[in-house]
Amino acid sequence: MKEVTILWTRYSDWISSLVYHLAGSGYTHASLGLEEEQGIYYSFNYRGFCVETLKKHRRRGVRQSMSCVLQVPDEAYQRILDQLEEFKLHRSEYRYTRLGVAFCLMQIPFLWRKHYFCSQFVAELLKKAEALPLAKRAELYLPNQLWDELTASRQAVRLQRDPV
């Protein structure tokens, strides 16, 4: 078994504030980290696919965060690595989707090729890798909804408040 870490943060930009108020508070951003890359996380933000660090989160003023460590089978972990490599290689082709967030808020499935929002990206990585079963389609997870499902999972082994 290998470990992946999902990091939830709350940013203060306008879209995060909107999601915060419409989705019932909590966290507004999700990213995924790998066992061998401590402190490095992958996600989507308004610039598209991004590589984040805890230092970058602190610089951007993140004061509230939570992480959840999940144990996943070695094969699923390798599939996550393979997917991330694909995103890294074709980084310029991927975009962030505010429209996807809007549809997600209404719980309407909406897919747009090579367009993601943060929690959709994390959920899709986990789902496609068969790392753990998720109840809904990846594009229907806001950060807090993903938090609720993952922390209730048997594969959640550790929670940490404010790792940023």
N, C-alpha and C. Protein backbone atom coordinates (compact mmCIF):
# COMPACT_ATOMS: atom_id res chain seq x y z
N MET A 1 0.85 -1.19 0.00
CA MET A 1 0.00 0.00 0.00
C MET A 1 0.89 1.25 0.00
N LYS A 2 0.42 2.25 -0.70
CA LYS A 2 1.08 3.55 -0.77
C LYS A 2 0.14 4.60 -0.20
N GLU A 3 0.67 5.79 0.03
CA GLU A 3 -0.16 6.87 0.59
C GLU A 3 -0.22 8.06 -0.35
N VAL A 4 -1.41 8.63 -0.47
CA VAL A 4 -1.60 9.92 -1.12
C VAL A 4 -2.23 10.84 -0.09
N THR A 5 -1.93 12.11 -0.21
CA THR A 5 -2.47 13.10 0.72
C THR A 5 -3.35 14.07 -0.06
N ILE A 6 -4.54 14.28 0.45
CA ILE A 6 -5.42 15.29 -0.12
C ILE A 6 -5.38 16.47 0.83
N LEU A 7 -5.08 17.64 0.27
CA LEU A 7 -4.98 18.86 1.05
C LEU A 7 -6.15 19.77 0.69
N TRP A 8 -6.84 20.23 1.71
CA TRP A 8 -7.93 21.19 1.53
C TRP A 8 -7.49 22.52 2.12
N THR A 9 -7.74 23.60 1.38
CA THR A 9 -7.40 24.94 1.84
C THR A 9 -8.56 25.88 1.55
N ARG A 10 -8.47 27.05 2.14
CA ARG A 10 -9.46 28.08 1.86
C ARG A 10 -8.72 29.33 1.39
N TYR A 11 -8.96 29.69 0.13
CA TYR A 11 -8.40 30.90 -0.44
C TYR A 11 -9.37 32.06 -0.24
N SER A 12 -8.91 33.25 -0.52
CA SER A 12 -9.76 34.42 -0.32
C SER A 12 -10.14 35.12 -1.61
N ASP A 13 -9.90 34.49 -2.78
CA ASP A 13 -10.29 35.13 -4.03
C ASP A 13 -11.81 35.07 -4.19
N TRP A 14 -12.34 35.75 -5.20
CA TRP A 14 -13.80 35.89 -5.32
C TRP A 14 -14.49 34.57 -5.60
N ILE A 15 -13.88 33.71 -6.44
CA ILE A 15 -14.55 32.44 -6.72
C ILE A 15 -14.55 31.53 -5.49
N SER A 16 -13.47 31.57 -4.72
CA SER A 16 -13.42 30.79 -3.47
C SER A 16 -14.45 31.31 -2.47
N SER A 17 -14.59 32.61 -2.40
CA SER A 17 -15.59 33.18 -1.49
C SER A 17 -16.99 32.79 -1.91
N LEU A 18 -17.25 32.78 -3.21
CA LEU A 18 -18.55 32.36 -3.72
C LEU A 18 -18.82 30.90 -3.36
N VAL A 19 -17.85 30.04 -3.64
CA VAL A 19 -18.00 28.61 -3.32
C VAL A 19 -18.19 28.43 -1.81
N TYR A 20 -17.43 29.19 -1.04
CA TYR A 20 -17.52 29.11 0.43
C TYR A 20 -18.96 29.38 0.90
N HIS A 21 -19.56 30.43 0.38
CA HIS A 21 -20.91 30.81 0.82
C HIS A 21 -22.00 29.91 0.23
N LEU A 22 -21.85 29.52 -1.03
CA LEU A 22 -22.88 28.71 -1.68
C LEU A 22 -22.83 27.23 -1.27
N ALA A 23 -21.64 26.76 -0.91
CA ALA A 23 -21.48 25.34 -0.61
C ALA A 23 -21.49 25.04 0.89
N GLY A 24 -21.81 26.01 1.70
CA GLY A 24 -21.92 25.74 3.12
C GLY A 24 -20.64 25.86 3.90
N SER A 25 -19.80 26.80 3.55
CA SER A 25 -18.53 27.12 4.23
C SER A 25 -17.51 25.99 4.10
N GLY A 26 -16.53 25.98 4.99
CA GLY A 26 -15.48 24.96 4.95
C GLY A 26 -14.34 25.35 4.03
N TYR A 27 -13.85 24.38 3.30
CA TYR A 27 -12.68 24.58 2.43
C TYR A 27 -13.12 24.82 0.99
N THR A 28 -12.28 25.54 0.25
CA THR A 28 -12.66 25.93 -1.11
C THR A 28 -11.70 25.43 -2.18
N HIS A 29 -10.67 24.70 -1.78
CA HIS A 29 -9.67 24.22 -2.74
C HIS A 29 -9.17 22.85 -2.29
N ALA A 30 -8.97 21.96 -3.26
CA ALA A 30 -8.44 20.63 -2.97
C ALA A 30 -7.27 20.34 -3.90
N SER A 31 -6.28 19.65 -3.37
CA SER A 31 -5.13 19.23 -4.17
C SER A 31 -4.63 17.88 -3.67
N LEU A 32 -3.83 17.22 -4.49
CA LEU A 32 -3.37 15.87 -4.18
C LEU A 32 -1.85 15.82 -4.13
N GLY A 33 -1.31 15.19 -3.09
CA GLY A 33 0.13 15.02 -2.93
C GLY A 33 0.50 13.55 -2.91
N LEU A 34 1.73 13.26 -3.28
CA LEU A 34 2.23 11.89 -3.35
C LEU A 34 3.17 11.58 -2.20
N GLU A 35 3.25 10.31 -1.88
CA GLU A 35 4.07 9.85 -0.76
C GLU A 35 5.52 10.30 -0.86
N GLU A 36 6.11 10.19 -2.05
CA GLU A 36 7.54 10.50 -2.18
C GLU A 36 7.84 11.97 -2.47
N GLU A 37 6.81 12.80 -2.57
CA GLU A 37 7.01 14.22 -2.85
C GLU A 37 6.40 15.06 -1.72
N GLN A 38 6.94 14.93 -0.55
CA GLN A 38 6.41 15.63 0.61
C GLN A 38 6.34 17.14 0.37
N GLY A 39 5.16 17.71 0.64
CA GLY A 39 4.98 19.15 0.53
C GLY A 39 4.66 19.65 -0.88
N ILE A 40 4.55 18.76 -1.86
CA ILE A 40 4.20 19.14 -3.23
C ILE A 40 2.82 18.57 -3.53
N TYR A 41 1.96 19.41 -4.10
CA TYR A 41 0.58 19.03 -4.38
C TYR A 41 0.22 19.42 -5.80
N TYR A 42 -0.70 18.66 -6.40
CA TYR A 42 -1.15 18.90 -7.77
C TYR A 42 -2.63 19.26 -7.74
N SER A 43 -3.00 20.22 -8.58
CA SER A 43 -4.39 20.66 -8.59
C SER A 43 -4.66 21.50 -9.83
N PHE A 44 -5.79 22.19 -9.80
CA PHE A 44 -6.16 23.16 -10.83
C PHE A 44 -6.54 24.45 -10.13
N ASN A 45 -6.08 25.56 -10.70
CA ASN A 45 -6.53 26.87 -10.26
C ASN A 45 -6.84 27.70 -11.50
N TYR A 46 -7.09 28.96 -11.32
CA TYR A 46 -7.50 29.81 -12.44
C TYR A 46 -6.50 29.83 -13.59
N ARG A 47 -5.26 29.37 -13.36
CA ARG A 47 -4.26 29.32 -14.43
C ARG A 47 -4.22 27.95 -15.12
N GLY A 48 -4.97 27.00 -14.61
CA GLY A 48 -4.96 25.65 -15.18
C GLY A 48 -4.30 24.66 -14.24
N PHE A 49 -3.70 23.62 -14.82
CA PHE A 49 -3.01 22.61 -14.03
C PHE A 49 -1.86 23.28 -13.28
N CYS A 50 -1.72 22.96 -12.00
CA CYS A 50 -0.67 23.62 -11.22
C CYS A 50 -0.01 22.67 -10.24
N VAL A 51 1.23 23.00 -9.93
CA VAL A 51 1.99 22.32 -8.89
C VAL A 51 2.09 23.31 -7.75
N GLU A 52 1.64 22.89 -6.57
CA GLU A 52 1.59 23.77 -5.40
C GLU A 52 2.51 23.25 -4.31
N THR A 53 2.96 24.15 -3.47
CA THR A 53 3.75 23.78 -2.30
C THR A 53 3.13 24.42 -1.07
N LEU A 54 3.48 23.90 0.08
CA LEU A 54 2.97 24.50 1.32
C LEU A 54 3.48 25.93 1.45
N LYS A 55 4.71 26.16 1.02
CA LYS A 55 5.28 27.51 1.07
C LYS A 55 4.47 28.48 0.20
N LYS A 56 4.08 28.03 -0.98
CA LYS A 56 3.27 28.85 -1.89
C LYS A 56 1.91 29.17 -1.26
N HIS A 57 1.30 28.18 -0.62
CA HIS A 57 0.02 28.42 0.06
C HIS A 57 0.17 29.48 1.15
N ARG A 58 1.24 29.39 1.93
CA ARG A 58 1.46 30.38 3.00
C ARG A 58 1.65 31.77 2.41
N ARG A 59 2.42 31.87 1.30
CA ARG A 59 2.64 33.17 0.65
C ARG A 59 1.35 33.77 0.15
N ARG A 60 0.44 32.92 -0.30
CA ARG A 60 -0.85 33.40 -0.82
C ARG A 60 -1.85 33.69 0.29
N GLY A 61 -1.43 33.54 1.53
CA GLY A 61 -2.28 33.93 2.64
C GLY A 61 -3.21 32.86 3.17
N VAL A 62 -2.98 31.59 2.80
CA VAL A 62 -3.82 30.51 3.32
C VAL A 62 -3.51 30.33 4.81
N ARG A 63 -4.53 30.41 5.61
CA ARG A 63 -4.36 30.24 7.05
C ARG A 63 -5.14 29.03 7.57
N GLN A 64 -6.08 28.54 6.77
CA GLN A 64 -6.93 27.43 7.19
C GLN A 64 -6.73 26.28 6.22
N SER A 65 -6.34 25.11 6.74
CA SER A 65 -6.15 23.95 5.88
C SER A 65 -6.36 22.67 6.67
N MET A 66 -6.53 21.59 5.93
CA MET A 66 -6.72 20.27 6.52
C MET A 66 -6.21 19.26 5.51
N SER A 67 -5.59 18.20 5.98
CA SER A 67 -5.16 17.15 5.06
C SER A 67 -5.68 15.80 5.53
N CYS A 68 -5.81 14.92 4.58
CA CYS A 68 -6.26 13.55 4.83
C CYS A 68 -5.33 12.62 4.06
N VAL A 69 -4.70 11.70 4.77
CA VAL A 69 -3.83 10.72 4.14
C VAL A 69 -4.65 9.47 3.86
N LEU A 70 -4.58 9.02 2.61
CA LEU A 70 -5.31 7.82 2.18
C LEU A 70 -4.32 6.73 1.81
N GLN A 71 -4.63 5.51 2.19
CA GLN A 71 -3.85 4.37 1.73
C GLN A 71 -4.51 3.81 0.48
N VAL A 72 -3.70 3.65 -0.56
CA VAL A 72 -4.21 3.13 -1.83
C VAL A 72 -3.33 1.96 -2.27
N PRO A 73 -3.90 1.02 -3.01
CA PRO A 73 -3.10 -0.09 -3.53
C PRO A 73 -1.96 0.41 -4.42
N ASP A 74 -0.87 -0.34 -4.45
CA ASP A 74 0.29 0.04 -5.25
C ASP A 74 -0.06 0.27 -6.72
N GLU A 75 -0.93 -0.56 -7.27
CA GLU A 75 -1.32 -0.44 -8.68
C GLU A 75 -2.07 0.88 -8.91
N ALA A 76 -2.95 1.23 -7.99
CA ALA A 76 -3.69 2.49 -8.11
C ALA A 76 -2.75 3.67 -7.99
N TYR A 77 -1.79 3.58 -7.09
CA TYR A 77 -0.80 4.64 -6.92
C TYR A 77 -0.03 4.85 -8.22
N GLN A 78 0.36 3.76 -8.86
CA GLN A 78 1.08 3.86 -10.13
C GLN A 78 0.21 4.51 -11.19
N ARG A 79 -1.07 4.18 -11.22
CA ARG A 79 -1.98 4.81 -12.19
C ARG A 79 -2.11 6.31 -11.93
N ILE A 80 -2.11 6.72 -10.65
CA ILE A 80 -2.13 8.15 -10.32
C ILE A 80 -0.87 8.81 -10.84
N LEU A 81 0.29 8.18 -10.62
CA LEU A 81 1.56 8.72 -11.13
C LEU A 81 1.52 8.88 -12.65
N ASP A 82 0.99 7.87 -13.32
CA ASP A 82 0.90 7.91 -14.79
C ASP A 82 0.00 9.05 -15.26
N GLN A 83 -1.14 9.23 -14.59
CA GLN A 83 -2.05 10.31 -14.95
C GLN A 83 -1.39 11.67 -14.72
N LEU A 84 -0.71 11.82 -13.60
CA LEU A 84 -0.04 13.09 -13.30
C LEU A 84 1.04 13.39 -14.33
N GLU A 85 1.75 12.37 -14.76
CA GLU A 85 2.78 12.57 -15.78
C GLU A 85 2.16 13.10 -17.07
N GLU A 86 1.00 12.57 -17.42
CA GLU A 86 0.28 13.05 -18.61
C GLU A 86 -0.10 14.53 -18.46
N PHE A 87 -0.59 14.91 -17.29
CA PHE A 87 -0.93 16.32 -17.04
C PHE A 87 0.31 17.20 -17.12
N LYS A 88 1.41 16.74 -16.57
CA LYS A 88 2.66 17.53 -16.60
C LYS A 88 3.16 17.71 -18.03
N LEU A 89 3.13 16.62 -18.81
CA LEU A 89 3.63 16.68 -20.18
C LEU A 89 2.81 17.61 -21.07
N HIS A 90 1.51 17.69 -20.82
CA HIS A 90 0.60 18.47 -21.67
C HIS A 90 -0.04 19.62 -20.90
N ARG A 91 0.68 20.11 -19.94
CA ARG A 91 0.21 21.16 -19.04
C ARG A 91 -0.47 22.33 -19.75
N SER A 92 0.09 22.78 -20.84
CA SER A 92 -0.43 23.96 -21.54
C SER A 92 -1.80 23.72 -22.19
N GLU A 93 -2.19 22.47 -22.34
CA GLU A 93 -3.46 22.14 -22.97
C GLU A 93 -4.64 22.16 -21.99
N TYR A 94 -4.36 22.18 -20.70
CA TYR A 94 -5.41 22.08 -19.68
C TYR A 94 -5.80 23.45 -19.15
N ARG A 95 -7.08 23.60 -18.87
CA ARG A 95 -7.63 24.87 -18.40
C ARG A 95 -8.51 24.65 -17.16
N TYR A 96 -8.68 25.72 -16.43
CA TYR A 96 -9.60 25.74 -15.29
C TYR A 96 -11.00 26.04 -15.81
N THR A 97 -12.03 25.47 -15.17
CA THR A 97 -13.39 25.74 -15.61
C THR A 97 -14.26 26.32 -14.49
N ARG A 98 -14.57 27.59 -14.61
CA ARG A 98 -15.53 28.21 -13.69
C ARG A 98 -16.94 27.69 -13.99
N LEU A 99 -17.18 27.42 -15.27
CA LEU A 99 -18.47 26.88 -15.68
C LEU A 99 -18.73 25.52 -15.02
N GLY A 100 -17.69 24.70 -14.93
CA GLY A 100 -17.81 23.41 -14.26
C GLY A 100 -18.17 23.57 -12.79
N VAL A 101 -17.58 24.58 -12.14
CA VAL A 101 -17.91 24.86 -10.73
C VAL A 101 -19.38 25.26 -10.61
N ALA A 102 -19.84 26.12 -11.53
CA ALA A 102 -21.25 26.56 -11.49
C ALA A 102 -22.20 25.37 -11.64
N PHE A 103 -21.92 24.50 -12.60
CA PHE A 103 -22.77 23.32 -12.78
C PHE A 103 -22.69 22.39 -11.57
N CYS A 104 -21.50 22.26 -11.00
CA CYS A 104 -21.34 21.42 -9.82
C CYS A 104 -22.16 21.97 -8.65
N LEU A 105 -22.19 23.27 -8.48
CA LEU A 105 -23.00 23.88 -7.42
C LEU A 105 -24.47 23.52 -7.58
N MET A 106 -24.90 23.35 -8.83
CA MET A 106 -26.30 22.96 -9.11
C MET A 106 -26.46 21.44 -9.17
N GLN A 107 -25.35 20.71 -8.96
CA GLN A 107 -25.33 19.25 -9.03
C GLN A 107 -25.79 18.72 -10.39
N ILE A 108 -25.32 19.41 -11.44
CA ILE A 108 -25.57 19.00 -12.83
C ILE A 108 -24.23 18.54 -13.41
N PRO A 109 -24.13 17.28 -13.85
CA PRO A 109 -22.88 16.81 -14.43
C PRO A 109 -22.53 17.62 -15.69
N PHE A 110 -21.30 18.08 -15.75
CA PHE A 110 -20.84 18.87 -16.89
C PHE A 110 -19.38 18.55 -17.14
N LEU A 111 -19.09 18.00 -18.30
CA LEU A 111 -17.71 17.70 -18.69
C LEU A 111 -17.32 18.57 -19.87
N TRP A 112 -16.13 19.10 -19.77
CA TRP A 112 -15.57 19.90 -20.85
C TRP A 112 -14.15 19.37 -21.03
N ARG A 113 -13.86 18.84 -22.17
CA ARG A 113 -12.57 18.19 -22.43
C ARG A 113 -11.40 19.10 -22.02
N LYS A 114 -10.50 18.53 -21.23
CA LYS A 114 -9.27 19.19 -20.76
C LYS A 114 -9.51 20.43 -19.91
N HIS A 115 -10.69 20.52 -19.29
CA HIS A 115 -11.03 21.60 -18.38
C HIS A 115 -11.44 20.98 -17.03
N TYR A 116 -10.86 21.48 -15.96
CA TYR A 116 -11.12 20.93 -14.64
C TYR A 116 -11.20 22.05 -13.61
N PHE A 117 -11.84 21.75 -12.50
CA PHE A 117 -11.69 22.56 -11.29
C PHE A 117 -11.06 21.64 -10.26
N CYS A 118 -10.57 22.21 -9.18
CA CYS A 118 -9.67 21.49 -8.26
C CYS A 118 -10.22 20.17 -7.74
N SER A 119 -11.38 20.16 -7.14
CA SER A 119 -11.89 18.93 -6.54
C SER A 119 -12.31 17.92 -7.59
N GLN A 120 -12.74 18.38 -8.74
CA GLN A 120 -13.04 17.47 -9.86
C GLN A 120 -11.77 16.75 -10.27
N PHE A 121 -10.69 17.48 -10.39
CA PHE A 121 -9.40 16.91 -10.77
C PHE A 121 -8.96 15.84 -9.77
N VAL A 122 -9.02 16.14 -8.48
CA VAL A 122 -8.61 15.19 -7.45
C VAL A 122 -9.51 13.95 -7.49
N ALA A 123 -10.81 14.17 -7.55
CA ALA A 123 -11.75 13.06 -7.59
C ALA A 123 -11.53 12.19 -8.83
N GLU A 124 -11.27 12.82 -9.96
CA GLU A 124 -11.05 12.06 -11.19
C GLU A 124 -9.77 11.24 -11.12
N LEU A 125 -8.70 11.81 -10.57
CA LEU A 125 -7.46 11.04 -10.40
C LEU A 125 -7.73 9.78 -9.58
N LEU A 126 -8.40 9.96 -8.44
CA LEU A 126 -8.68 8.84 -7.55
C LEU A 126 -9.60 7.81 -8.20
N LYS A 127 -10.61 8.31 -8.89
CA LYS A 127 -11.60 7.42 -9.51
C LYS A 127 -11.00 6.64 -10.68
N LYS A 128 -10.31 7.33 -11.59
CA LYS A 128 -9.72 6.65 -12.75
C LYS A 128 -8.63 5.65 -12.35
N ALA A 129 -7.94 5.95 -11.28
CA ALA A 129 -6.88 5.05 -10.80
C ALA A 129 -7.45 3.88 -10.01
N GLU A 130 -8.75 3.93 -9.76
CA GLU A 130 -9.41 2.92 -8.93
C GLU A 130 -8.76 2.85 -7.55
N ALA A 131 -8.40 4.04 -7.05
CA ALA A 131 -7.76 4.14 -5.74
C ALA A 131 -8.76 3.90 -4.61
N LEU A 132 -9.98 4.36 -4.81
CA LEU A 132 -11.05 4.10 -3.87
C LEU A 132 -12.37 4.40 -4.56
N PRO A 133 -13.42 3.74 -4.12
CA PRO A 133 -14.71 3.98 -4.77
C PRO A 133 -15.29 5.33 -4.34
N LEU A 134 -15.81 6.07 -5.29
CA LEU A 134 -16.48 7.33 -5.00
C LEU A 134 -17.94 7.19 -5.42
N ALA A 135 -18.83 7.77 -4.65
CA ALA A 135 -20.27 7.60 -4.87
C ALA A 135 -20.79 8.35 -6.09
N LYS A 136 -20.12 9.46 -6.45
CA LYS A 136 -20.62 10.31 -7.53
C LYS A 136 -19.58 10.45 -8.63
N ARG A 137 -20.01 11.05 -9.72
CA ARG A 137 -19.10 11.39 -10.80
C ARG A 137 -18.14 12.47 -10.31
N ALA A 138 -16.93 12.46 -10.81
CA ALA A 138 -15.89 13.39 -10.35
C ALA A 138 -16.31 14.85 -10.48
N GLU A 139 -17.05 15.18 -11.54
CA GLU A 139 -17.43 16.59 -11.77
C GLU A 139 -18.53 17.07 -10.83
N LEU A 140 -18.99 16.21 -9.93
CA LEU A 140 -20.04 16.60 -8.97
C LEU A 140 -19.51 16.80 -7.56
N TYR A 141 -18.19 16.87 -7.40
CA TYR A 141 -17.59 17.05 -6.08
C TYR A 141 -17.02 18.45 -5.91
N LEU A 142 -17.60 19.18 -4.99
CA LEU A 142 -16.97 20.41 -4.49
C LEU A 142 -15.99 19.98 -3.40
N PRO A 143 -15.04 20.81 -3.03
CA PRO A 143 -14.05 20.40 -2.03
C PRO A 143 -14.65 19.82 -0.74
N ASN A 144 -15.67 20.46 -0.18
CA ASN A 144 -16.25 19.95 1.07
C ASN A 144 -16.94 18.61 0.89
N GLN A 145 -17.56 18.41 -0.25
CA GLN A 145 -18.23 17.13 -0.51
C GLN A 145 -17.20 16.01 -0.65
N LEU A 146 -16.09 16.32 -1.28
CA LEU A 146 -15.01 15.35 -1.39
C LEU A 146 -14.43 15.05 -0.01
N TRP A 147 -14.26 16.09 0.79
CA TRP A 147 -13.79 15.93 2.17
C TRP A 147 -14.69 14.95 2.94
N ASP A 148 -15.99 15.18 2.88
CA ASP A 148 -16.94 14.33 3.61
C ASP A 148 -16.80 12.87 3.21
N GLU A 149 -16.71 12.63 1.92
CA GLU A 149 -16.65 11.25 1.45
C GLU A 149 -15.30 10.59 1.77
N LEU A 150 -14.21 11.30 1.57
CA LEU A 150 -12.90 10.69 1.80
C LEU A 150 -12.62 10.45 3.27
N THR A 151 -13.01 11.37 4.12
CA THR A 151 -12.74 11.18 5.55
C THR A 151 -13.61 10.08 6.15
N ALA A 152 -14.71 9.74 5.50
CA ALA A 152 -15.55 8.64 5.96
C ALA A 152 -15.05 7.29 5.43
N SER A 153 -14.11 7.33 4.51
CA SER A 153 -13.59 6.12 3.88
C SER A 153 -12.73 5.31 4.84
N ARG A 154 -12.73 4.03 4.67
CA ARG A 154 -11.86 3.15 5.46
C ARG A 154 -10.39 3.36 5.11
N GLN A 155 -10.13 3.97 3.98
CA GLN A 155 -8.76 4.18 3.53
C GLN A 155 -8.13 5.44 4.12
N ALA A 156 -8.93 6.25 4.78
CA ALA A 156 -8.38 7.45 5.44
C ALA A 156 -7.66 7.01 6.70
N VAL A 157 -6.37 7.27 6.75
CA VAL A 157 -5.59 6.81 7.90
C VAL A 157 -5.14 7.92 8.84
N ARG A 158 -5.08 9.15 8.34
CA ARG A 158 -4.60 10.25 9.17
C ARG A 158 -5.22 11.55 8.72
N LEU A 159 -5.66 12.34 9.67
CA LEU A 159 -6.14 13.70 9.40
C LEU A 159 -5.21 14.66 10.11
N GLN A 160 -4.94 15.78 9.49
CA GLN A 160 -4.07 16.78 10.12
C GLN A 160 -4.66 18.16 9.87
N ARG A 161 -4.89 18.89 10.94
CA ARG A 161 -5.40 20.26 10.84
C ARG A 161 -4.26 21.23 10.62
N ASP A 162 -4.47 22.17 9.72
CA ASP A 162 -3.54 23.25 9.41
C ASP A 162 -2.12 22.81 9.07
N PRO A 163 -1.94 21.93 8.08
CA PRO A 163 -0.59 21.58 7.67
C PRO A 163 0.12 22.71 6.92
N VAL A 164 -0.64 23.70 6.42
CA VAL A 164 -0.03 24.82 5.70
C VAL A 164 0.58 25.80 6.67
